């Protein structure tokens, strides 16, 4: 089974404000007071119109301009931008965490598990059971793919 997402994770109120400012869907509640804001290609195109100057190394969808927008948005609190591209257990993940305009973790991409957990840990996600990681502790395993119908 595949896992293909690009999204923001942050406190619910921060993401509600961000979504409202940019005309995006309502964030999805997660565990531990966090929320998930799925980002479709159309959302990214609307927030950061072309031309864009390039992408952050290792990321498919994180343009330099979108990274700057996220840095500004983090003035209101901590947030993580993440991307996954997995099928049959093989693939890549990438993440970056921001707080108050500063980069906390990343940007980092890898074929190994780690970048997303490190970024989530930096914004306060805690492991709730020793057998699972930050990704599962916050409930991201339940969100495998987003499409246009989820508006």
Protein backbone atom coordinates (compact mmCIF):
# COMPACT_ATOMS: atom_id res chain seq x y z
CA UNK A 1 0.00 0.00 0.00
CA UNK A 2 1.29 3.47 -0.83
CA UNK A 3 1.75 6.58 1.26
CA UNK A 4 1.82 9.81 -0.77
CA UNK A 5 1.17 13.03 1.11
CA UNK A 6 2.35 16.59 1.36
CA UNK A 7 0.98 18.44 4.35
CA UNK A 8 1.48 20.72 7.31
CA UNK A 9 1.30 19.55 10.92
CA UNK A 10 0.88 22.09 13.69
CA UNK A 11 -1.39 23.09 16.53
CA UNK A 12 -5.04 23.16 15.43
CA UNK A 13 -5.46 26.94 15.85
CA UNK A 14 -2.34 27.78 13.83
CA UNK A 15 -3.48 25.60 10.93
CA UNK A 16 -7.06 26.91 11.03
CA UNK A 17 -5.68 30.44 10.69
CA UNK A 18 -3.24 29.45 7.93
CA UNK A 19 -5.97 27.60 6.01
CA UNK A 20 -8.33 30.57 6.30
CA UNK A 21 -5.65 33.03 5.15
CA UNK A 22 -4.96 30.92 2.04
CA UNK A 23 -8.44 29.64 1.17
CA UNK A 24 -7.62 26.01 2.05
CA UNK A 25 -9.76 23.22 3.50
CA UNK A 26 -10.34 22.78 7.21
CA UNK A 27 -7.43 21.01 8.95
CA UNK A 28 -7.94 17.44 10.15
CA UNK A 29 -7.57 16.93 13.92
CA UNK A 30 -4.76 14.62 15.01
CA UNK A 31 -3.71 13.33 18.42
CA UNK A 32 -1.96 15.43 21.10
CA UNK A 33 -3.67 18.68 20.05
CA UNK A 34 -2.12 18.75 16.60
CA UNK A 35 -3.82 18.94 13.21
CA UNK A 36 -3.00 18.01 9.63
CA UNK A 37 -3.49 20.31 6.65
CA UNK A 38 -3.30 18.35 3.39
CA UNK A 39 -1.77 20.29 0.51
CA UNK A 40 -2.65 19.49 -3.08
CA UNK A 41 -0.66 20.69 -6.08
CA UNK A 42 -3.42 23.23 -6.82
CA UNK A 43 -3.12 24.59 -3.27
CA UNK A 44 0.62 25.10 -3.64
CA UNK A 45 0.18 26.72 -7.06
CA UNK A 46 -2.42 29.14 -5.66
CA UNK A 47 -0.25 30.14 -2.68
CA UNK A 48 2.98 30.50 -4.65
CA UNK A 49 2.34 31.41 -8.29
CA UNK A 50 4.93 30.68 -10.97
CA UNK A 51 7.66 31.32 -11.68
CA UNK A 52 9.41 29.78 -8.71
CA UNK A 53 13.17 29.90 -8.35
CA UNK A 54 13.73 26.27 -7.37
CA UNK A 55 13.10 23.57 -4.81
CA UNK A 56 14.76 22.78 -1.51
CA UNK A 57 17.14 19.83 -1.93
CA UNK A 58 15.47 16.47 -1.40
CA UNK A 59 11.92 17.83 -1.60
CA UNK A 60 9.62 17.41 -4.56
CA UNK A 61 7.15 20.16 -3.67
CA UNK A 62 8.95 22.52 -1.26
CA UNK A 63 9.94 25.51 -3.35
CA UNK A 64 12.23 28.21 -2.00
CA UNK A 65 9.27 30.60 -2.05
CA UNK A 66 6.96 28.20 -0.18
CA UNK A 67 9.69 27.62 2.43
CA UNK A 68 9.84 31.40 2.97
CA UNK A 69 6.04 31.54 3.37
CA UNK A 70 6.18 28.74 5.96
CA UNK A 71 8.96 30.50 7.82
CA UNK A 72 6.75 33.61 8.06
CA UNK A 73 3.73 31.51 9.11
CA UNK A 74 5.77 30.01 11.95
CA UNK A 75 5.84 33.39 13.67
CA UNK A 76 2.54 32.24 15.19
CA UNK A 77 3.97 28.92 16.44
CA UNK A 78 5.66 25.67 15.50
CA UNK A 79 4.84 23.84 12.29
CA UNK A 80 6.14 20.97 10.17
CA UNK A 81 5.98 20.61 6.41
CA UNK A 82 6.29 16.98 5.32
CA UNK A 83 6.25 14.91 2.17
CA UNK A 84 6.02 11.14 1.78
CA UNK A 85 6.37 9.03 -1.34
CA UNK A 86 6.20 5.32 -0.47
CA UNK A 87 4.91 2.25 -2.23
CA UNK A 88 5.37 -1.27 -0.91
CA UNK A 89 7.56 0.01 1.91
CA UNK A 90 10.09 1.61 -0.46
CA UNK A 91 10.38 5.34 -1.01
CA UNK A 92 11.35 8.61 0.56
CA UNK A 93 10.22 11.08 3.17
CA UNK A 94 11.17 14.68 3.79
CA UNK A 95 10.42 17.19 6.52
CA UNK A 96 11.31 20.57 7.92
CA UNK A 97 10.20 22.12 11.23
CA UNK A 98 9.90 25.85 11.90
CA UNK A 99 9.24 27.94 15.02
CA UNK A 100 9.08 31.71 15.28
CA UNK A 101 10.69 32.14 11.86
CA UNK A 102 13.59 29.81 12.60
CA UNK A 103 14.33 26.36 11.20
CA UNK A 104 14.30 23.84 14.06
CA UNK A 105 15.00 20.64 12.10
CA UNK A 106 15.88 20.03 8.47
CA UNK A 107 15.15 20.50 5.78
CA UNK A 108 16.02 16.86 5.37
CA UNK A 109 15.00 14.03 3.04
CA UNK A 110 15.86 10.36 3.33
CA UNK A 111 14.96 6.87 2.23
CA UNK A 112 15.19 5.88 5.90
CA UNK A 113 12.67 6.63 8.62
CA UNK A 114 13.72 9.72 10.52
CA UNK A 115 13.16 13.15 8.98
CA UNK A 116 9.44 13.30 9.80
CA UNK A 117 9.84 11.88 13.32
CA UNK A 118 12.66 14.33 14.06
CA UNK A 119 10.59 17.28 12.84
CA UNK A 120 7.49 16.17 14.78
CA UNK A 121 9.55 15.70 17.94
CA UNK A 122 10.91 19.25 17.54
CA UNK A 123 7.39 20.73 17.64
CA UNK A 124 6.34 18.73 20.68
CA UNK A 125 4.91 15.43 19.46
CA UNK A 126 5.63 12.76 22.05
CA UNK A 127 5.84 8.99 21.66
CA UNK A 128 2.91 7.52 23.59
CA UNK A 129 3.95 3.88 23.49
CA UNK A 130 7.49 2.51 23.14
CA UNK A 131 6.48 0.29 20.21
CA UNK A 132 5.48 3.26 17.99
CA UNK A 133 7.13 6.46 16.83
CA UNK A 134 6.08 10.14 16.63
CA UNK A 135 4.47 9.61 13.20
CA UNK A 136 2.10 6.96 14.56
CA UNK A 137 1.71 8.64 17.98
CA UNK A 138 0.13 11.70 16.38
CA UNK A 139 -1.99 9.57 14.02
CA UNK A 140 -0.40 10.21 10.62
CA UNK A 141 -0.53 6.51 9.70
CA UNK A 142 -4.27 6.99 9.08
CA UNK A 143 -3.66 9.53 6.29
CA UNK A 144 -2.10 7.84 3.28
CA UNK A 145 -3.12 9.95 0.32
CA UNK A 146 -5.11 13.10 -0.49
CA UNK A 147 -6.99 14.02 -3.60
CA UNK A 148 -9.23 16.75 -4.99
CA UNK A 149 -12.36 15.20 -3.42
CA UNK A 150 -11.16 15.97 0.11
CA UNK A 151 -11.94 19.70 0.01
